[in-house]
Structure formats: C-alpha cells, structure tokens
C-alpha atoms as a PDB file:
ATOM      1  CA  MET A   1     102.394  87.517 114.653  1.00  0.00           C
ATOM      2  CA  LYS A   2     103.836  86.394 111.310  1.00  0.00           C
ATOM      3  CA  LEU A   3     107.186  84.629 111.501  1.00  0.00           C
ATOM      4  CA  LEU A   4     109.107  85.251 108.283  1.00  0.00           C
ATOM      5  CA  ASP A   5     111.649  82.905 106.755  1.00  0.00           C
ATOM      6  CA  SER A   6     115.162  84.108 105.887  1.00  0.00           C
ATOM      7  CA  ASN A   7     114.395  83.767 102.185  1.00  0.00           C
ATOM      8  CA  ILE A   8     111.540  86.294 102.398  1.00  0.00           C
ATOM      9  CA  LEU A   9     114.004  88.839 103.740  1.00  0.00           C
ATOM     10  CA  ILE A  10     116.716  87.932 101.234  1.00  0.00           C
ATOM     11  CA  TYR A  11     114.448  88.097  98.198  1.00  0.00           C
ATOM     12  CA  SER A  12     112.759  91.309  99.373  1.00  0.00           C
ATOM     13  CA  GLN A  13     115.917  93.307  98.690  1.00  0.00           C
ATOM     14  CA  LEU A  14     115.735  92.444  94.977  1.00  0.00           C
ATOM     15  CA  SER A  15     113.635  94.816  92.856  1.00  0.00           C
ATOM     16  CA  GLU A  16     111.680  91.996  91.199  1.00  0.00           C
ATOM     17  CA  TYR A  17     110.520  90.866  94.651  1.00  0.00           C
ATOM     18  CA  ALA A  18     109.704  94.323  96.030  1.00  0.00           C
ATOM     19  CA  TYR A  19     106.152  93.107  96.682  1.00  0.00           C
ATOM     20  CA  LEU A  20     107.576  91.227  99.707  1.00  0.00           C
ATOM     21  CA  ARG A  21     108.684  94.426 101.472  1.00  0.00           C
ATOM     22  CA  PRO A  22     105.338  95.208 103.110  1.00  0.00           C
ATOM     23  CA  PHE A  23     105.686  91.913 104.994  1.00  0.00           C
ATOM     24  CA  ILE A  24     109.068  93.032 106.332  1.00  0.00           C
ATOM     25  CA  PHE A  25     107.801  96.379 107.550  1.00  0.00           C
ATOM     26  CA  ASP A  26     104.507  95.104 108.958  1.00  0.00           C
ATOM     27  CA  GLN A  27     104.457  95.617 112.729  1.00  0.00           C
ATOM     28  CA  ASP A  28     102.993  92.115 113.074  1.00  0.00           C
ATOM     29  CA  SER A  29     105.987  90.439 111.379  1.00  0.00           C
ATOM     30  CA  ALA A  30     108.971  88.894 113.109  1.00  0.00           C
ATOM     31  CA  VAL A  31     112.122  86.937 112.365  1.00  0.00           C
ATOM     32  CA  SER A  32     114.303  84.812 114.592  1.00  0.00           C
ATOM     33  CA  LYS A  33     117.791  85.768 115.665  1.00  0.00           C
ATOM     34  CA  ILE A  34     118.930  82.827 113.521  1.00  0.00           C
ATOM     35  CA  THR A  35     117.532  84.632 110.468  1.00  0.00           C
ATOM     36  CA  GLN A  36     119.579  87.677 111.451  1.00  0.00           C
ATOM     37  CA  LEU A  37     122.680  85.485 111.700  1.00  0.00           C
ATOM     38  CA  GLU A  38     122.014  83.766 108.354  1.00  0.00           C
ATOM     39  CA  VAL A  39     121.324  86.961 106.439  1.00  0.00           C
ATOM     40  CA  LEU A  40     123.991  89.278 107.866  1.00  0.00           C
ATOM     41  CA  GLY A  41     126.541  86.465 108.116  1.00  0.00           C
ATOM     42  CA  PHE A  42     126.439  85.685 104.391  1.00  0.00           C
ATOM     43  CA  HIS A  43     130.040  86.097 103.227  1.00  0.00           C
ATOM     44  CA  ARG A  44     129.238  87.547  99.780  1.00  0.00           C
ATOM     45  CA  LEU A  45     126.872  90.261 100.981  1.00  0.00           C
ATOM     46  CA  ASN A  46     127.546  93.580  99.235  1.00  0.00           C
ATOM     47  CA  ASP A  47     127.372  96.938 101.042  1.00  0.00           C
ATOM     48  CA  GLU A  48     124.011  97.937  99.555  1.00  0.00           C
ATOM     49  CA  ALA A  49     122.353  94.680 100.587  1.00  0.00           C
ATOM     50  CA  ARG A  50     123.969  94.830 104.036  1.00  0.00           C
ATOM     51  CA  GLN A  51     122.556  98.343 104.572  1.00  0.00           C
ATOM     52  CA  TYR A  52     119.098  97.193 103.497  1.00  0.00           C
ATOM     53  CA  PHE A  53     119.168  94.199 105.855  1.00  0.00           C
ATOM     54  CA  VAL A  54     120.521  96.216 108.780  1.00  0.00           C
ATOM     55  CA  SER A  55     117.608  98.641 108.371  1.00  0.00           C
ATOM     56  CA  CYS A  56     115.181  95.699 108.219  1.00  0.00           C
ATOM     57  CA  PHE A  57     116.557  94.233 111.439  1.00  0.00           C
ATOM     58  CA  GLN A  58     116.287  97.610 113.166  1.00  0.00           C
ATOM     59  CA  PHE A  59     112.577  97.667 112.370  1.00  0.00           C
ATOM     60  CA  ILE A  60     111.334  94.072 112.480  1.00  0.00           C
ATOM     61  CA  ASN A  61     110.577  92.176 115.679  1.00  0.00           C
ATOM     62  CA  LEU A  62     113.420  89.802 116.582  1.00  0.00           C
ATOM     63  CA  ILE A  63     112.593  86.567 118.387  1.00  0.00           C
ATOM     64  CA  GLU A  64     115.211  85.191 120.741  1.00  0.00           C
ATOM     65  CA  ILE A  65     115.936  81.501 120.338  1.00  0.00           C
ATOM     66  CA  ASN A  66     115.919  78.955 123.143  1.00  0.00           C
ATOM     67  CA  ASN A  67     115.933  75.155 123.258  1.00  0.00           C
ATOM     68  CA  SER A  68     112.149  74.970 123.410  1.00  0.00           C
ATOM     69  CA  ILE A  69     111.831  76.954 120.170  1.00  0.00           C
ATOM     70  CA  ILE A  70     114.507  74.873 118.453  1.00  0.00           C
ATOM     71  CA  ASP A  71     112.857  71.605 119.528  1.00  0.00           C
ATOM     72  CA  ARG A  72     109.474  72.811 118.259  1.00  0.00           C
ATOM     73  CA  ALA A  73     110.959  73.969 114.941  1.00  0.00           C
ATOM     74  CA  ILE A  74     112.598  70.574 114.430  1.00  0.00           C
ATOM     75  CA  LEU A  75     109.295  68.838 115.134  1.00  0.00           C
ATOM     76  CA  LEU A  76     107.454  71.109 112.692  1.00  0.00           C
ATOM     77  CA  ARG A  77     110.021  70.517 109.964  1.00  0.00           C
ATOM     78  CA  HIS A  78     109.601  66.773 110.359  1.00  0.00           C
ATOM     79  CA  ASN A  79     105.807  66.929 110.281  1.00  0.00           C
ATOM     80  CA  VAL A  80     105.009  69.668 107.765  1.00  0.00           C
ATOM     81  CA  LYS A  81     105.840  69.714 104.081  1.00  0.00           C
ATOM     82  CA  CYS A  82     106.072  73.169 102.550  1.00  0.00           C
ATOM     83  CA  HIS A  83     105.480  73.522  98.825  1.00  0.00           C
END
C-alpha cells in the first residue's frame, strides 16, 4: 500500500500536476482520515476543487487514525528527513 501525503492530493487537482492523478486512483494508494480533514477543511476551497476532492475520497482507501499510528508518525518525522 502507498500512503499519500495531503500535498499529493492537493497538487493533483491542478492541471500542471495532472501526472499525480494515477497515484490517487491506484487501488494500492491510501490516505489518512487526517488528510481528508486537511484537504476538505481548507477554508478557501472552491466548489470545483471540493468536487474533485470529494470524488477522490470516495475512491481512495481511507486509513483510520489511532494513537499507535500517531505515535509512529511522530517517531518517523523525528527520524526521517524528506527532501
């Protein structure tokens, strides 16, 4: 399973980043419920973008969040530098 970051989803709705869309609609991809909250909760989201994201979240695997996942994510963020 590929866990996608919120930014992958956000950028994928822009035409210049359309090459990211296959990742969104790959059956092996997933996002966390926090990603859903971050993306759909953005206060300046226009209707077109909202529709796109809603359709993404209807298709993509959603991972529920629990304390174990949060603790592991914190540990990873402290130990791994992303470039």
